[in-house]
């Protein structure tokens, strides 16, 4: 991050770190995004994904099953993660 890349691919950025470090990492990711950098975040933490993302792409069995915004519900995202297409309708 210190080198100022144009594209940042991050996998599980807060796994195993303390609360203070999580806050620091999240702030740095947001700073990079605000500078116009492309950030690809891969995480199993739904709260983290929803808090840091402009778009959420969900894959199941190697293919994209849905794209949602950060306002997507946990139920909707959970159904997509289980491979249920049309999850918005199923979650309601």
Protein backbone atom coordinates (compact mmCIF):
# COMPACT_ATOMS: atom_id res chain seq x y z
CA UNK A 1 0.00 0.00 0.00
CA UNK A 2 2.90 2.33 0.69
CA UNK A 3 4.06 2.12 -2.93
CA UNK A 4 0.79 3.64 -4.17
CA UNK A 5 -0.39 0.96 -6.61
CA UNK A 6 -3.19 1.74 -9.07
CA UNK A 7 -4.78 -1.64 -8.40
CA UNK A 8 -4.89 -3.29 -5.00
CA UNK A 9 -6.00 -6.92 -4.57
CA UNK A 10 -6.61 -7.77 -0.93
CA UNK A 11 -7.48 -11.19 0.47
CA UNK A 12 -8.76 -11.48 4.05
CA UNK A 13 -7.12 -8.18 5.13
CA UNK A 14 -8.20 -8.33 8.77
CA UNK A 15 -8.00 -12.01 9.54
CA UNK A 16 -6.25 -12.59 12.85
CA UNK A 17 -5.56 -8.95 13.74
CA UNK A 18 -6.77 -6.95 16.73
CA UNK A 19 -9.56 -4.35 16.69
CA UNK A 20 -7.16 -1.39 16.43
CA UNK A 21 -5.41 -2.92 13.45
CA UNK A 22 -8.76 -3.64 11.77
CA UNK A 23 -9.72 0.03 12.02
CA UNK A 24 -6.33 1.10 10.62
CA UNK A 25 -6.58 -1.34 7.71
CA UNK A 26 -10.13 -0.26 6.87
CA UNK A 27 -9.12 3.42 6.88
CA UNK A 28 -6.20 2.70 4.54
CA UNK A 29 -8.45 0.78 2.13
CA UNK A 30 -10.94 3.66 2.10
CA UNK A 31 -8.12 6.16 1.51
CA UNK A 32 -6.91 4.14 -1.47
CA UNK A 33 -10.45 3.99 -2.88
CA UNK A 34 -10.92 7.73 -2.37
CA UNK A 35 -7.68 8.36 -4.28
CA UNK A 36 -9.25 6.64 -7.29
CA UNK A 37 -7.38 3.37 -6.90
CA UNK A 38 -9.09 0.12 -7.88
CA UNK A 39 -9.52 -2.14 -4.85
CA UNK A 40 -10.57 -5.77 -5.13
CA UNK A 41 -11.45 -7.05 -1.66
CA UNK A 42 -11.91 -10.77 -1.04
CA UNK A 43 -13.27 -11.58 2.40
CA UNK A 44 -15.58 -13.95 4.24
CA UNK A 45 -16.55 -11.15 6.64
CA UNK A 46 -19.90 -9.83 5.37
CA UNK A 47 -19.80 -6.75 7.61
CA UNK A 48 -16.38 -5.87 6.23
CA UNK A 49 -17.50 -6.36 2.64
CA UNK A 50 -20.66 -4.29 3.11
CA UNK A 51 -18.77 -1.49 4.89
CA UNK A 52 -15.96 -1.16 2.34
CA UNK A 53 -17.55 -2.02 -1.00
CA UNK A 54 -19.22 -0.02 -3.74
CA UNK A 55 -20.18 -3.25 -5.52
CA UNK A 56 -20.39 -6.81 -4.26
CA UNK A 57 -19.88 -9.67 -6.70
CA UNK A 58 -20.81 -13.12 -5.37
CA UNK A 59 -19.37 -16.27 -6.89
CA UNK A 60 -20.52 -19.85 -6.41
CA UNK A 61 -18.88 -22.93 -7.92
CA UNK A 62 -16.53 -20.78 -10.01
CA UNK A 63 -19.13 -18.52 -11.60
CA UNK A 64 -20.70 -15.18 -10.80
CA UNK A 65 -24.22 -15.64 -9.44
CA UNK A 66 -24.99 -12.04 -8.57
CA UNK A 67 -23.94 -8.45 -8.20
CA UNK A 68 -25.36 -6.23 -5.48
CA UNK A 69 -24.67 -2.96 -3.75
CA UNK A 70 -23.52 -2.54 -0.16
CA UNK A 71 -27.17 -2.12 0.88
CA UNK A 72 -27.85 -5.81 0.12
CA UNK A 73 -29.14 -7.73 3.12
CA UNK A 74 -27.20 -10.53 4.77
CA UNK A 75 -29.98 -12.92 3.78
CA UNK A 76 -29.76 -11.91 0.15
CA UNK A 77 -25.97 -12.27 0.08
CA UNK A 78 -26.20 -15.58 1.95
CA UNK A 79 -28.56 -17.01 -0.64
CA UNK A 80 -26.24 -15.89 -3.43
CA UNK A 81 -23.30 -17.51 -1.62
CA UNK A 82 -25.32 -20.74 -1.57
CA UNK A 83 -25.79 -20.50 -5.34
CA UNK A 84 -29.41 -19.34 -5.29
CA UNK A 85 -29.90 -17.04 -8.26
CA UNK A 86 -32.68 -14.48 -8.00
CA UNK A 87 -31.76 -14.19 -4.31
CA UNK A 88 -33.35 -10.77 -3.91
CA UNK A 89 -36.80 -12.18 -4.54
CA UNK A 90 -36.11 -15.29 -2.44
CA UNK A 91 -34.87 -13.22 0.53
CA UNK A 92 -38.06 -11.12 0.68
